[in-house]
């Protein structure tokens, strides 16, 4: 499992993020506090607090293409 901090600032970011990760075959979760949702679910994402960075958990060791797909959403604090 790999974890990344991402920041989704706008509704367009959420849409583009889901489109970017939708084709990956492994599970992807978003974690915000005690809440965990499927990262491929737009409705699930909108249930999270998007005013701060959230954690993306990728349940795969082969994440090279994922890292390319999400590079624009990575939080660089």
N, C-alpha and C. Protein backbone atom coordinates (compact mmCIF):
# COMPACT_ATOMS: atom_id res chain seq x y z
N UNK A 1 0.85 -1.19 0.00
CA UNK A 1 0.00 0.00 0.00
C UNK A 1 0.89 1.24 0.00
N UNK A 2 0.48 2.22 -0.79
CA UNK A 2 1.16 3.51 -0.85
C UNK A 2 0.16 4.60 -0.49
N UNK A 3 0.64 5.66 0.14
CA UNK A 3 -0.22 6.79 0.53
C UNK A 3 0.32 8.09 -0.05
N UNK A 4 -0.61 8.97 -0.41
CA UNK A 4 -0.26 10.27 -0.97
C UNK A 4 -1.19 11.32 -0.38
N UNK A 5 -0.66 12.50 -0.15
CA UNK A 5 -1.49 13.63 0.27
C UNK A 5 -1.91 14.37 -0.99
N UNK A 6 -3.22 14.54 -1.16
CA UNK A 6 -3.73 15.27 -2.33
C UNK A 6 -4.63 16.40 -1.86
N UNK A 7 -4.83 17.35 -2.75
CA UNK A 7 -5.68 18.50 -2.44
C UNK A 7 -6.60 18.74 -3.63
N UNK A 8 -7.90 18.64 -3.40
CA UNK A 8 -8.91 18.87 -4.43
C UNK A 8 -9.60 20.19 -4.10
N UNK A 9 -9.23 21.23 -4.83
CA UNK A 9 -9.68 22.59 -4.49
C UNK A 9 -11.07 22.93 -5.04
N UNK A 10 -11.43 22.37 -6.19
CA UNK A 10 -12.68 22.76 -6.84
C UNK A 10 -13.47 21.53 -7.28
N UNK A 11 -14.71 21.77 -7.70
CA UNK A 11 -15.54 20.69 -8.24
C UNK A 11 -14.90 20.11 -9.49
N UNK A 12 -14.30 20.97 -10.30
CA UNK A 12 -13.61 20.51 -11.51
C UNK A 12 -12.43 19.60 -11.13
N UNK A 13 -11.70 19.95 -10.05
CA UNK A 13 -10.61 19.09 -9.59
C UNK A 13 -11.12 17.70 -9.23
N UNK A 14 -12.25 17.64 -8.53
CA UNK A 14 -12.82 16.35 -8.14
C UNK A 14 -13.16 15.53 -9.38
N UNK A 15 -13.82 16.16 -10.34
CA UNK A 15 -14.20 15.47 -11.58
C UNK A 15 -12.96 14.96 -12.32
N UNK A 16 -11.96 15.82 -12.47
CA UNK A 16 -10.74 15.44 -13.19
C UNK A 16 -9.97 14.35 -12.43
N UNK A 17 -9.97 14.43 -11.11
CA UNK A 17 -9.29 13.41 -10.30
C UNK A 17 -9.94 12.05 -10.49
N UNK A 18 -11.26 11.99 -10.40
CA UNK A 18 -11.97 10.72 -10.58
C UNK A 18 -11.75 10.17 -11.98
N UNK A 19 -11.78 11.03 -12.99
CA UNK A 19 -11.52 10.58 -14.36
C UNK A 19 -10.10 10.04 -14.50
N UNK A 20 -9.14 10.65 -13.81
CA UNK A 20 -7.74 10.23 -13.92
C UNK A 20 -7.48 8.87 -13.27
N UNK A 21 -8.22 8.54 -12.22
CA UNK A 21 -7.94 7.28 -11.49
C UNK A 21 -8.92 6.17 -11.80
N UNK A 22 -9.96 6.45 -12.52
CA UNK A 22 -11.05 5.49 -12.73
C UNK A 22 -10.62 4.20 -13.43
N UNK A 23 -9.60 4.24 -14.25
CA UNK A 23 -9.21 3.06 -15.02
C UNK A 23 -8.22 2.13 -14.31
N UNK A 24 -7.78 2.51 -13.12
CA UNK A 24 -6.86 1.64 -12.39
C UNK A 24 -7.64 0.50 -11.77
N UNK A 25 -7.09 -0.72 -11.88
CA UNK A 25 -7.79 -1.92 -11.44
C UNK A 25 -7.72 -2.17 -9.94
N UNK A 26 -6.81 -1.53 -9.25
CA UNK A 26 -6.68 -1.76 -7.81
C UNK A 26 -7.53 -0.77 -7.01
N UNK A 27 -7.73 -1.09 -5.73
CA UNK A 27 -8.55 -0.24 -4.87
C UNK A 27 -7.82 1.04 -4.50
N UNK A 28 -8.58 2.13 -4.47
CA UNK A 28 -8.08 3.44 -4.08
C UNK A 28 -9.07 4.03 -3.09
N UNK A 29 -8.59 4.41 -1.92
CA UNK A 29 -9.44 5.02 -0.90
C UNK A 29 -8.95 6.42 -0.59
N UNK A 30 -9.88 7.28 -0.19
CA UNK A 30 -9.54 8.60 0.33
C UNK A 30 -9.87 8.62 1.81
N UNK A 31 -8.95 9.17 2.60
CA UNK A 31 -9.11 9.20 4.05
C UNK A 31 -9.05 10.65 4.52
N UNK A 32 -10.07 11.03 5.27
CA UNK A 32 -10.11 12.37 5.87
C UNK A 32 -10.60 12.19 7.31
N UNK A 33 -9.68 12.36 8.25
CA UNK A 33 -10.05 12.11 9.65
C UNK A 33 -10.40 10.65 9.84
N UNK A 34 -11.60 10.41 10.35
CA UNK A 34 -12.02 9.02 10.56
C UNK A 34 -12.86 8.47 9.41
N UNK A 35 -13.03 9.25 8.35
CA UNK A 35 -13.85 8.84 7.22
C UNK A 35 -13.00 8.26 6.10
N UNK A 36 -13.46 7.16 5.53
CA UNK A 36 -12.78 6.51 4.41
C UNK A 36 -13.83 6.29 3.32
N UNK A 37 -13.53 6.75 2.10
CA UNK A 37 -14.45 6.56 0.98
C UNK A 37 -13.69 6.01 -0.23
N UNK A 38 -14.41 5.41 -1.14
CA UNK A 38 -13.85 4.94 -2.40
C UNK A 38 -13.44 6.18 -3.21
N UNK A 39 -12.16 6.23 -3.60
CA UNK A 39 -11.65 7.40 -4.32
C UNK A 39 -12.26 7.54 -5.71
N UNK A 40 -12.89 6.49 -6.22
CA UNK A 40 -13.50 6.54 -7.55
C UNK A 40 -14.95 7.01 -7.50
N UNK A 41 -15.44 7.36 -6.31
CA UNK A 41 -16.83 7.78 -6.11
C UNK A 41 -16.91 9.29 -5.92
N UNK A 42 -17.47 9.97 -6.90
CA UNK A 42 -17.62 11.42 -6.78
C UNK A 42 -18.48 11.78 -5.57
N UNK A 43 -19.57 11.07 -5.37
CA UNK A 43 -20.44 11.36 -4.22
C UNK A 43 -19.71 11.11 -2.91
N UNK A 44 -18.90 10.07 -2.86
CA UNK A 44 -18.12 9.80 -1.65
C UNK A 44 -17.14 10.91 -1.36
N UNK A 45 -16.48 11.40 -2.39
CA UNK A 45 -15.50 12.48 -2.22
C UNK A 45 -16.17 13.73 -1.67
N UNK A 46 -17.37 14.04 -2.16
CA UNK A 46 -18.05 15.25 -1.69
C UNK A 46 -18.54 15.12 -0.25
N UNK A 47 -18.48 13.92 0.32
CA UNK A 47 -18.86 13.76 1.73
C UNK A 47 -17.68 14.08 2.65
N UNK A 48 -16.50 14.30 2.09
CA UNK A 48 -15.31 14.59 2.88
C UNK A 48 -15.09 16.09 3.03
N UNK A 49 -14.26 16.46 3.99
CA UNK A 49 -13.86 17.86 4.18
C UNK A 49 -12.77 18.17 3.16
N UNK A 50 -13.11 18.89 2.11
CA UNK A 50 -12.17 19.19 1.04
C UNK A 50 -11.44 20.52 1.24
N UNK A 51 -11.61 21.12 2.41
CA UNK A 51 -10.93 22.39 2.67
C UNK A 51 -9.47 22.19 3.06
N UNK A 52 -9.08 20.94 3.24
CA UNK A 52 -7.68 20.63 3.57
C UNK A 52 -7.26 19.38 2.81
N UNK A 53 -5.96 19.11 2.77
CA UNK A 53 -5.48 17.92 2.04
C UNK A 53 -6.07 16.63 2.62
N UNK A 54 -6.25 15.65 1.76
CA UNK A 54 -6.75 14.34 2.17
C UNK A 54 -5.75 13.28 1.71
N UNK A 55 -5.84 12.12 2.31
CA UNK A 55 -4.90 11.05 2.02
C UNK A 55 -5.49 10.07 1.02
N UNK A 56 -4.74 9.80 -0.04
CA UNK A 56 -5.11 8.78 -1.02
C UNK A 56 -4.31 7.53 -0.69
N UNK A 57 -5.00 6.41 -0.51
CA UNK A 57 -4.34 5.13 -0.26
C UNK A 57 -4.53 4.24 -1.49
N UNK A 58 -3.42 3.80 -2.05
CA UNK A 58 -3.44 2.92 -3.21
C UNK A 58 -3.03 1.52 -2.77
N UNK A 59 -3.88 0.56 -3.00
CA UNK A 59 -3.63 -0.81 -2.57
C UNK A 59 -2.96 -1.61 -3.69
N UNK A 60 -1.75 -1.18 -4.03
CA UNK A 60 -0.94 -1.82 -5.05
C UNK A 60 0.50 -1.35 -4.87
N UNK A 61 1.43 -2.15 -5.30
CA UNK A 61 2.83 -1.73 -5.28
C UNK A 61 3.25 -1.17 -6.64
N UNK A 62 2.46 -1.40 -7.66
CA UNK A 62 2.74 -0.92 -9.01
C UNK A 62 2.00 0.40 -9.23
N UNK A 63 2.57 1.48 -8.71
CA UNK A 63 1.85 2.77 -8.70
C UNK A 63 2.52 3.84 -9.57
N UNK A 64 3.43 3.44 -10.41
CA UNK A 64 4.14 4.41 -11.24
C UNK A 64 3.19 5.23 -12.12
N UNK A 65 2.27 4.57 -12.81
CA UNK A 65 1.32 5.28 -13.68
C UNK A 65 0.32 6.09 -12.85
N UNK A 66 -0.03 5.57 -11.67
CA UNK A 66 -0.93 6.33 -10.79
C UNK A 66 -0.27 7.63 -10.38
N UNK A 67 0.99 7.58 -10.00
CA UNK A 67 1.70 8.80 -9.57
C UNK A 67 1.72 9.84 -10.68
N UNK A 68 1.86 9.40 -11.93
CA UNK A 68 1.80 10.33 -13.06
C UNK A 68 0.41 10.93 -13.19
N UNK A 69 -0.62 10.09 -13.02
CA UNK A 69 -2.01 10.54 -13.20
C UNK A 69 -2.43 11.54 -12.13
N UNK A 70 -1.91 11.41 -10.92
CA UNK A 70 -2.34 12.29 -9.82
C UNK A 70 -1.35 13.41 -9.51
N UNK A 71 -0.30 13.52 -10.29
CA UNK A 71 0.74 14.51 -9.97
C UNK A 71 0.19 15.93 -9.84
N UNK A 72 -0.81 16.29 -10.60
CA UNK A 72 -1.39 17.62 -10.52
C UNK A 72 -2.23 17.87 -9.28
N UNK A 73 -2.55 16.80 -8.55
CA UNK A 73 -3.37 16.92 -7.34
C UNK A 73 -2.56 16.73 -6.06
N UNK A 74 -1.29 16.39 -6.20
CA UNK A 74 -0.46 16.12 -5.02
C UNK A 74 -0.28 17.41 -4.21
N UNK A 75 -0.36 17.26 -2.89
CA UNK A 75 -0.20 18.40 -1.98
C UNK A 75 1.28 18.64 -1.75
N UNK A 76 1.67 19.85 -2.01
CA UNK A 76 3.06 20.24 -1.79
C UNK A 76 3.09 21.33 -0.74
N UNK A 77 2.86 20.92 0.50
CA UNK A 77 2.68 21.79 1.65
C UNK A 77 3.72 22.78 1.88
